[in-house]
Amino acid sequence: MENSQAQTLLEETAALLCTYFGAFCNLYGTVPLYRALRIIRKQNPELELTEEQFLTFGRSCTSGGSHSRPRSS
């Protein structure tokens, strides 16, 4: 896979996770990360997302990292 394709995939995955995190907050308030990952994997079986990647993303959201807010188009 070319580097630009890999970067796009990462951006698409990050955007998907931002959408899920927003939905979890709006619909449920607080959702444990293990349950959030289980929901995301069940609804997106084609998504190759490791637990480590997911937790890193989650930490970046809670610490004000680059994925803390969805980008507007």
N, C-alpha and C. Protein backbone atom coordinates (compact mmCIF):
# COMPACT_ATOMS: atom_id res chain seq x y z
N MET A 1 0.84 -1.17 0.00
CA MET A 1 0.00 0.00 0.00
C MET A 1 0.89 1.24 0.00
N GLU A 2 0.57 2.19 -0.84
CA GLU A 2 1.36 3.42 -0.91
C GLU A 2 1.17 4.23 0.36
N ASN A 3 2.15 5.08 0.66
CA ASN A 3 2.11 5.89 1.87
C ASN A 3 0.88 6.79 1.90
N SER A 4 0.52 7.42 0.77
CA SER A 4 -0.65 8.31 0.75
C SER A 4 -1.94 7.53 1.01
N GLN A 5 -2.02 6.30 0.49
CA GLN A 5 -3.20 5.46 0.75
C GLN A 5 -3.27 5.08 2.22
N ALA A 6 -2.13 4.77 2.82
CA ALA A 6 -2.09 4.42 4.23
C ALA A 6 -2.51 5.61 5.09
N GLN A 7 -2.04 6.82 4.74
CA GLN A 7 -2.40 8.02 5.49
C GLN A 7 -3.89 8.28 5.39
N THR A 8 -4.48 8.12 4.20
CA THR A 8 -5.91 8.33 4.03
C THR A 8 -6.69 7.35 4.89
N LEU A 9 -6.25 6.11 4.92
CA LEU A 9 -6.90 5.10 5.73
C LEU A 9 -6.88 5.51 7.20
N LEU A 10 -5.74 6.01 7.66
CA LEU A 10 -5.64 6.46 9.05
C LEU A 10 -6.59 7.63 9.32
N GLU A 11 -6.67 8.56 8.40
CA GLU A 11 -7.57 9.70 8.56
C GLU A 11 -9.03 9.25 8.55
N GLU A 12 -9.37 8.30 7.68
CA GLU A 12 -10.73 7.79 7.64
C GLU A 12 -11.07 7.05 8.92
N THR A 13 -10.13 6.27 9.43
CA THR A 13 -10.36 5.55 10.68
C THR A 13 -10.51 6.54 11.83
N ALA A 14 -9.67 7.56 11.87
CA ALA A 14 -9.77 8.58 12.92
C ALA A 14 -11.11 9.30 12.86
N ALA A 15 -11.56 9.61 11.65
CA ALA A 15 -12.85 10.28 11.49
C ALA A 15 -13.99 9.37 11.97
N LEU A 16 -13.90 8.09 11.66
CA LEU A 16 -14.91 7.13 12.12
C LEU A 16 -14.93 7.07 13.64
N LEU A 17 -13.74 6.99 14.24
CA LEU A 17 -13.67 6.92 15.70
C LEU A 17 -14.19 8.20 16.34
N CYS A 18 -13.90 9.34 15.76
CA CYS A 18 -14.43 10.61 16.28
C CYS A 18 -15.96 10.60 16.26
N THR A 19 -16.52 10.08 15.19
CA THR A 19 -17.98 9.98 15.09
C THR A 19 -18.53 9.09 16.19
N TYR A 20 -17.91 7.93 16.39
CA TYR A 20 -18.34 7.03 17.45
C TYR A 20 -18.21 7.69 18.82
N PHE A 21 -17.07 8.32 19.09
CA PHE A 21 -16.86 8.93 20.40
C PHE A 21 -17.91 10.02 20.66
N GLY A 22 -18.23 10.80 19.63
CA GLY A 22 -19.27 11.81 19.77
C GLY A 22 -20.63 11.19 20.06
N ALA A 23 -20.94 10.11 19.35
CA ALA A 23 -22.22 9.42 19.57
C ALA A 23 -22.28 8.82 20.97
N PHE A 24 -21.19 8.21 21.40
CA PHE A 24 -21.17 7.63 22.75
C PHE A 24 -21.44 8.71 23.80
N CYS A 25 -20.81 9.85 23.65
CA CYS A 25 -21.00 10.94 24.61
C CYS A 25 -22.42 11.48 24.58
N ASN A 26 -22.94 11.68 23.38
CA ASN A 26 -24.27 12.26 23.23
C ASN A 26 -25.38 11.30 23.63
N LEU A 27 -25.22 10.03 23.32
CA LEU A 27 -26.29 9.06 23.57
C LEU A 27 -26.21 8.41 24.94
N TYR A 28 -25.01 8.14 25.38
CA TYR A 28 -24.86 7.33 26.58
C TYR A 28 -24.18 8.04 27.74
N GLY A 29 -23.56 9.16 27.51
CA GLY A 29 -22.81 9.82 28.57
C GLY A 29 -21.43 9.21 28.71
N THR A 30 -21.31 8.21 29.55
CA THR A 30 -20.02 7.56 29.77
C THR A 30 -20.09 6.11 29.31
N VAL A 31 -19.14 5.73 28.47
CA VAL A 31 -19.05 4.35 27.98
C VAL A 31 -17.62 3.88 28.25
N PRO A 32 -17.47 2.76 28.94
CA PRO A 32 -16.11 2.24 29.15
C PRO A 32 -15.44 1.95 27.81
N LEU A 33 -14.14 2.19 27.73
CA LEU A 33 -13.43 1.99 26.46
C LEU A 33 -13.54 0.56 25.96
N TYR A 34 -13.48 -0.44 26.86
CA TYR A 34 -13.57 -1.81 26.40
C TYR A 34 -14.92 -2.07 25.71
N ARG A 35 -15.99 -1.45 26.21
CA ARG A 35 -17.31 -1.63 25.60
C ARG A 35 -17.40 -0.86 24.27
N ALA A 36 -16.81 0.32 24.23
CA ALA A 36 -16.80 1.11 23.00
C ALA A 36 -16.07 0.35 21.89
N LEU A 37 -14.93 -0.23 22.22
CA LEU A 37 -14.17 -1.00 21.22
C LEU A 37 -14.98 -2.19 20.74
N ARG A 38 -15.65 -2.87 21.66
CA ARG A 38 -16.47 -4.03 21.28
C ARG A 38 -17.59 -3.62 20.31
N ILE A 39 -18.24 -2.50 20.58
CA ILE A 39 -19.31 -2.00 19.70
C ILE A 39 -18.75 -1.66 18.33
N ILE A 40 -17.64 -0.93 18.30
CA ILE A 40 -17.05 -0.51 17.03
C ILE A 40 -16.63 -1.72 16.20
N ARG A 41 -15.99 -2.69 16.83
CA ARG A 41 -15.56 -3.90 16.10
C ARG A 41 -16.75 -4.70 15.58
N LYS A 42 -17.80 -4.78 16.38
CA LYS A 42 -18.98 -5.55 15.95
C LYS A 42 -19.66 -4.88 14.76
N GLN A 43 -19.73 -3.57 14.75
CA GLN A 43 -20.39 -2.85 13.67
C GLN A 43 -19.50 -2.63 12.45
N ASN A 44 -18.20 -2.84 12.61
CA ASN A 44 -17.24 -2.62 11.52
C ASN A 44 -16.24 -3.78 11.47
N PRO A 45 -16.70 -4.99 11.13
CA PRO A 45 -15.80 -6.14 11.17
C PRO A 45 -14.61 -6.03 10.21
N GLU A 46 -14.73 -5.21 9.19
CA GLU A 46 -13.64 -5.05 8.22
C GLU A 46 -12.55 -4.12 8.74
N LEU A 47 -12.83 -3.38 9.80
CA LEU A 47 -11.89 -2.43 10.35
C LEU A 47 -10.77 -3.16 11.07
N GLU A 48 -9.55 -2.93 10.65
CA GLU A 48 -8.39 -3.56 11.28
C GLU A 48 -7.85 -2.59 12.32
N LEU A 49 -8.44 -2.65 13.50
CA LEU A 49 -8.10 -1.73 14.57
C LEU A 49 -7.67 -2.54 15.78
N THR A 50 -6.42 -2.36 16.18
CA THR A 50 -5.93 -3.09 17.33
C THR A 50 -6.36 -2.38 18.62
N GLU A 51 -6.32 -3.12 19.70
CA GLU A 51 -6.66 -2.53 20.99
C GLU A 51 -5.70 -1.39 21.31
N GLU A 52 -4.43 -1.58 21.00
CA GLU A 52 -3.42 -0.55 21.26
C GLU A 52 -3.72 0.73 20.46
N GLN A 53 -4.07 0.60 19.17
CA GLN A 53 -4.40 1.77 18.36
C GLN A 53 -5.62 2.49 18.93
N PHE A 54 -6.61 1.71 19.33
CA PHE A 54 -7.83 2.29 19.87
C PHE A 54 -7.56 3.05 21.16
N LEU A 55 -6.78 2.44 22.05
CA LEU A 55 -6.47 3.10 23.32
C LEU A 55 -5.63 4.36 23.11
N THR A 56 -4.71 4.31 22.17
CA THR A 56 -3.91 5.49 21.85
C THR A 56 -4.81 6.62 21.34
N PHE A 57 -5.75 6.26 20.48
CA PHE A 57 -6.69 7.26 19.97
C PHE A 57 -7.52 7.82 21.12
N GLY A 58 -8.02 6.94 21.98
CA GLY A 58 -8.83 7.38 23.12
C GLY A 58 -8.07 8.32 24.03
N ARG A 59 -6.82 8.00 24.28
CA ARG A 59 -5.99 8.86 25.14
C ARG A 59 -5.79 10.22 24.49
N SER A 60 -5.60 10.24 23.17
CA SER A 60 -5.40 11.53 22.49
C SER A 60 -6.66 12.38 22.56
N CYS A 61 -7.82 11.75 22.59
CA CYS A 61 -9.07 12.51 22.71
C CYS A 61 -9.20 13.13 24.09
N THR A 62 -8.87 12.37 25.12
CA THR A 62 -9.05 12.86 26.48
C THR A 62 -7.95 13.81 26.91
N SER A 63 -6.82 13.79 26.20
CA SER A 63 -5.73 14.69 26.58
C SER A 63 -5.62 15.90 25.67
N GLY A 64 -6.63 16.09 24.80
CA GLY A 64 -6.62 17.25 23.92
C GLY A 64 -5.68 17.09 22.75
N GLY A 65 -5.44 15.84 22.33
CA GLY A 65 -4.56 15.57 21.21
C GLY A 65 -5.18 15.96 19.88
N SER A 66 -4.52 15.58 18.81
CA SER A 66 -4.94 15.99 17.47
C SER A 66 -6.29 15.43 17.06
N HIS A 67 -6.76 14.38 17.74
CA HIS A 67 -8.05 13.80 17.38
C HIS A 67 -9.15 14.19 18.35
N SER A 68 -8.92 15.23 19.13
CA SER A 68 -9.88 15.56 20.18
C SER A 68 -11.17 16.14 19.63
N ARG A 69 -11.14 16.69 18.46
CA ARG A 69 -12.36 17.21 17.86
C ARG A 69 -12.41 16.82 16.40
N PRO A 70 -13.59 16.41 15.92
CA PRO A 70 -13.71 16.10 14.50
C PRO A 70 -13.43 17.36 13.67
N ARG A 71 -12.77 17.16 12.56
CA ARG A 71 -12.50 18.29 11.66
C ARG A 71 -13.75 18.60 10.86
N SER A 72 -14.00 19.88 10.67
CA SER A 72 -15.12 20.25 9.83
C SER A 72 -14.67 20.25 8.38
N SER A 73 -15.58 19.86 7.49
CA SER A 73 -15.22 19.76 6.07
C SER A 73 -15.52 21.03 5.34
